[in-house]
PDB file of N, CA and C in Angstrom:
ATOM      1  N   MET A   1     -76.961  -1.252  39.378  1.00  0.00           N
ATOM      2  CA  MET A   1     -77.981  -0.260  39.868  1.00  0.00           C
ATOM      3  C   MET A   1     -78.876   0.195  38.736  1.00  0.00           C
ATOM      4  N   GLU A   2     -80.270   0.014  38.573  1.00  0.00           N
ATOM      5  CA  GLU A   2     -80.676   0.722  37.111  1.00  0.00           C
ATOM      6  C   GLU A   2     -80.718   1.910  37.215  1.00  0.00           C
ATOM      7  N   ILE A   3     -80.808   2.768  36.210  1.00  0.00           N
ATOM      8  CA  ILE A   3     -81.179   4.276  35.829  1.00  0.00           C
ATOM      9  C   ILE A   3     -82.069   4.526  36.595  1.00  0.00           C
ATOM     10  N   ILE A   4     -83.136   4.220  36.821  1.00  0.00           N
ATOM     11  CA  ILE A   4     -84.707   4.508  36.806  1.00  0.00           C
ATOM     12  C   ILE A   4     -84.476   4.825  38.578  1.00  0.00           C
ATOM     13  N   GLU A   5     -83.793   3.743  39.163  1.00  0.00           N
ATOM     14  CA  GLU A   5     -83.768   4.118  40.260  1.00  0.00           C
ATOM     15  C   GLU A   5     -82.983   5.066  40.987  1.00  0.00           C
ATOM     16  N   GLU A   6     -81.723   5.484  40.288  1.00  0.00           N
ATOM     17  CA  GLU A   6     -80.908   6.362  40.408  1.00  0.00           C
ATOM     18  C   GLU A   6     -81.558   7.561  40.498  1.00  0.00           C
ATOM     19  N   ILE A   7     -82.609   7.884  39.463  1.00  0.00           N
ATOM     20  CA  ILE A   7     -83.115   9.106  38.974  1.00  0.00           C
ATOM     21  C   ILE A   7     -84.386   9.178  40.269  1.00  0.00           C
ATOM     22  N   ARG A   8     -85.014   8.775  40.777  1.00  0.00           N
ATOM     23  CA  ARG A   8     -85.992   8.607  41.862  1.00  0.00           C
ATOM     24  C   ARG A   8     -85.738   8.685  43.394  1.00  0.00           C
ATOM     25  N   LYS A   9     -83.821   8.743  43.506  1.00  0.00           N
ATOM     26  CA  LYS A   9     -83.391   8.918  44.093  1.00  0.00           C
ATOM     27  C   LYS A   9     -82.929  10.448  44.315  1.00  0.00           C
ATOM     28  N   GLY A  10     -82.723  10.792  43.128  1.00  0.00           N
ATOM     29  CA  GLY A  10     -82.230  12.290  43.253  1.00  0.00           C
ATOM     30  C   GLY A  10     -81.380  12.496  42.198  1.00  0.00           C
ATOM     31  N   TYR A  11     -81.534  12.430  40.993  1.00  0.00           N
ATOM     32  CA  TYR A  11     -80.357  12.312  40.236  1.00  0.00           C
ATOM     33  C   TYR A  11     -79.486  13.766  40.117  1.00  0.00           C
ATOM     34  N   THR A  12     -78.463  13.852  40.118  1.00  0.00           N
ATOM     35  CA  THR A  12     -77.918  15.300  40.351  1.00  0.00           C
ATOM     36  C   THR A  12     -77.518  15.466  38.815  1.00  0.00           C
ATOM     37  N   CYS A  13     -76.587  14.965  38.334  1.00  0.00           N
ATOM     38  CA  CYS A  13     -75.845  15.290  36.847  1.00  0.00           C
ATOM     39  C   CYS A  13     -76.864  15.691  36.120  1.00  0.00           C
ATOM     40  N   GLY A  14     -76.543  16.076  34.715  1.00  0.00           N
ATOM     41  CA  GLY A  14     -77.193  16.671  33.408  1.00  0.00           C
ATOM     42  C   GLY A  14     -77.953  15.645  32.691  1.00  0.00           C
ATOM     43  N   TYR A  15     -78.721  16.390  31.968  1.00  0.00           N
ATOM     44  CA  TYR A  15     -79.566  15.474  30.796  1.00  0.00           C
ATOM     45  C   TYR A  15     -78.660  15.046  30.031  1.00  0.00           C
ATOM     46  N   THR A  16     -77.807  15.601  29.504  1.00  0.00           N
ATOM     47  CA  THR A  16     -76.534  14.950  28.457  1.00  0.00           C
ATOM     48  C   THR A  16     -75.676  13.724  29.060  1.00  0.00           C
ATOM     49  N   ALA A  17     -75.599  13.880  30.305  1.00  0.00           N
ATOM     50  CA  ALA A  17     -74.456  12.653  31.111  1.00  0.00           C
ATOM     51  C   ALA A  17     -75.560  11.030  30.794  1.00  0.00           C
ATOM     52  N   ILE A  18     -77.050  11.620  30.985  1.00  0.00           N
ATOM     53  CA  ILE A  18     -77.733  10.525  30.691  1.00  0.00           C
ATOM     54  C   ILE A  18     -78.071   9.904  29.628  1.00  0.00           C
ATOM     55  N   THR A  19     -77.857  10.725  28.624  1.00  0.00           N
ATOM     56  CA  THR A  19     -78.058  10.459  26.990  1.00  0.00           C
ATOM     57  C   THR A  19     -76.678   9.864  26.274  1.00  0.00           C
ATOM     58  N   ASP A  20     -75.681  10.616  27.156  1.00  0.00           N
ATOM     59  CA  ASP A  20     -74.440   9.818  26.690  1.00  0.00           C
ATOM     60  C   ASP A  20     -74.413   8.798  27.128  1.00  0.00           C
ATOM     61  N   TYR A  21     -74.963   8.264  28.602  1.00  0.00           N
ATOM     62  CA  TYR A  21     -74.794   7.054  29.144  1.00  0.00           C
ATOM     63  C   TYR A  21     -75.457   6.090  28.467  1.00  0.00           C
ATOM     64  N   LEU A  22     -76.854   6.517  27.626  1.00  0.00           N
ATOM     65  CA  LEU A  22     -77.883   5.513  27.299  1.00  0.00           C
ATOM     66  C   LEU A  22     -77.272   4.877  25.656  1.00  0.00           C
ATOM     67  N   ARG A  23     -76.410   6.174  24.870  1.00  0.00           N
ATOM     68  CA  ARG A  23     -76.247   5.652  23.455  1.00  0.00           C
ATOM     69  C   ARG A  23     -75.175   5.005  23.502  1.00  0.00           C
ATOM     70  N   LYS A  24     -74.303   5.024  25.200  1.00  0.00           N
ATOM     71  CA  LYS A  24     -73.173   3.669  24.682  1.00  0.00           C
ATOM     72  C   LYS A  24     -73.907   2.283  25.042  1.00  0.00           C
ATOM     73  N   ILE A  25     -74.615   2.110  26.266  1.00  0.00           N
ATOM     74  CA  ILE A  25     -75.609   1.051  26.386  1.00  0.00           C
ATOM     75  C   ILE A  25     -76.667   0.100  25.174  1.00  0.00           C
ATOM     76  N   ARG A  26     -77.273   1.226  24.796  1.00  0.00           N
ATOM     77  CA  ARG A  26     -78.183   0.440  23.785  1.00  0.00           C
ATOM     78  C   ARG A  26     -77.596  -0.062  22.456  1.00  0.00           C
ATOM     79  N   PRO A  27     -78.190  -1.095  22.236  1.00  0.00           N
ATOM     80  CA  PRO A  27     -77.970  -1.726  20.985  1.00  0.00           C
ATOM     81  C   PRO A  27     -77.959  -0.491  19.703  1.00  0.00           C
ATOM     82  N   LYS A  28     -76.772  -0.795  18.629  1.00  0.00           N
ATOM     83  CA  LYS A  28     -77.168   0.102  17.838  1.00  0.00           C
ATOM     84  C   LYS A  28     -77.788   0.016  17.003  1.00  0.00           C
ATOM     85  N   LYS A  29     -78.617   0.711  16.294  1.00  0.00           N
ATOM     86  CA  LYS A  29     -79.690   0.962  15.163  1.00  0.00           C
ATOM     87  C   LYS A  29     -78.896   0.401  13.856  1.00  0.00           C
ATOM     88  N   GLN A  30     -79.595  -1.128  13.497  1.00  0.00           N
ATOM     89  CA  GLN A  30     -78.968  -1.067  12.135  1.00  0.00           C
ATOM     90  C   GLN A  30     -80.071  -0.434  10.749  1.00  0.00           C
ATOM     91  N   GLU A  31     -79.175  -0.360   9.849  1.00  0.00           N
ATOM     92  CA  GLU A  31     -79.353   0.172   9.138  1.00  0.00           C
ATOM     93  C   GLU A  31     -80.539  -0.950   7.829  1.00  0.00           C
ATOM     94  N   ALA A  32     -81.945   0.043   7.321  1.00  0.00           N
ATOM     95  CA  ALA A  32     -82.753  -0.945   6.999  1.00  0.00           C
ATOM     96  C   ALA A  32     -82.032  -0.998   5.347  1.00  0.00           C
ATOM     97  N   PHE A  33     -82.472  -2.190   4.891  1.00  0.00           N
ATOM     98  CA  PHE A  33     -82.488  -2.269   3.568  1.00  0.00           C
ATOM     99  C   PHE A  33     -83.702  -2.779   2.616  1.00  0.00           C
ATOM    100  N   ILE A  34     -83.984  -2.156   2.047  1.00  0.00           N
ATOM    101  CA  ILE A  34     -85.259  -2.877   1.215  1.00  0.00           C
ATOM    102  C   ILE A  34     -85.043  -2.788  -0.407  1.00  0.00           C
ATOM    103  N   PRO A  35     -84.574  -3.938  -0.627  1.00  0.00           N
ATOM    104  CA  PRO A  35     -84.416  -3.991  -2.480  1.00  0.00           C
ATOM    105  C   PRO A  35     -85.673  -3.755  -3.260  1.00  0.00           C
ATOM    106  N   LEU A  36     -85.799  -2.485  -3.950  1.00  0.00           N
ATOM    107  CA  LEU A  36     -86.839  -1.823  -5.261  1.00  0.00           C
ATOM    108  C   LEU A  36     -87.285  -2.769  -5.928  1.00  0.00           C
ATOM    109  N   GLU A  37     -88.593  -3.466  -6.568  1.00  0.00           N
ATOM    110  CA  GLU A  37     -88.403  -4.150  -7.892  1.00  0.00           C
ATOM    111  C   GLU A  37     -89.660  -3.160  -8.598  1.00  0.00           C
ATOM    112  N   PHE A  38     -89.074  -2.902  -9.677  1.00  0.00           N
ATOM    113  CA  PHE A  38     -90.205  -1.993 -10.656  1.00  0.00           C
ATOM    114  C   PHE A  38     -90.641  -3.201 -12.086  1.00  0.00           C
ATOM    115  N   GLU A  39     -91.805  -3.166 -12.163  1.00  0.00           N
ATOM    116  CA  GLU A  39     -92.051  -3.169 -13.418  1.00  0.00           C
ATOM    117  C   GLU A  39     -91.730  -2.441 -14.572  1.00  0.00           C
ATOM    118  N   ASN A  40     -92.022  -3.262 -16.011  1.00  0.00           N
ATOM    119  CA  ASN A  40     -91.121  -2.288 -16.992  1.00  0.00           C
ATOM    120  C   ASN A  40     -92.590  -1.013 -17.641  1.00  0.00           C
ATOM    121  N   LEU A  41     -93.619  -1.620 -17.025  1.00  0.00           N
ATOM    122  CA  LEU A  41     -94.477  -0.264 -17.483  1.00  0.00           C
ATOM    123  C   LEU A  41     -94.630   0.255 -18.907  1.00  0.00           C
ATOM    124  N   GLY A  42     -94.369  -0.991 -19.437  1.00  0.00           N
ATOM    125  CA  GLY A  42     -94.138  -0.794 -21.074  1.00  0.00           C
ATOM    126  C   GLY A  42     -93.418   0.150 -21.979  1.00  0.00           C
ATOM    127  N   ARG A  43     -92.454   0.689 -20.782  1.00  0.00           N
ATOM    128  CA  ARG A  43     -91.322   1.423 -21.484  1.00  0.00           C
ATOM    129  C   ARG A  43     -90.413   0.732 -22.118  1.00  0.00           C
ATOM    130  N   THR A  44     -89.751   1.013 -22.823  1.00  0.00           N
ATOM    131  CA  THR A  44     -88.048   0.534 -22.797  1.00  0.00           C
ATOM    132  C   THR A  44     -87.068   1.264 -22.867  1.00  0.00           C
ATOM    133  N   SER A  45     -86.179   0.917 -21.862  1.00  0.00           N
ATOM    134  CA  SER A  45     -84.699   1.064 -21.904  1.00  0.00           C
ATOM    135  C   SER A  45     -84.127   1.411 -23.070  1.00  0.00           C
ATOM    136  N   LYS A  46     -83.115   2.632 -23.741  1.00  0.00           N
ATOM    137  CA  LYS A  46     -82.484   2.430 -25.223  1.00  0.00           C
ATOM    138  C   LYS A  46     -81.103   2.609 -24.580  1.00  0.00           C
TER     139      LYS A  46
END
């Protein structure tokens, strides 16, 4: 049974129960990695 159908019937549990369940079934978010590249801008490192 889908969650929305359960809610429409008259879900009696708390909000936390729903968010905990969704946290378990949703795919995990992947951390984004963006390599940064900088031009020298005329400065030299010593």
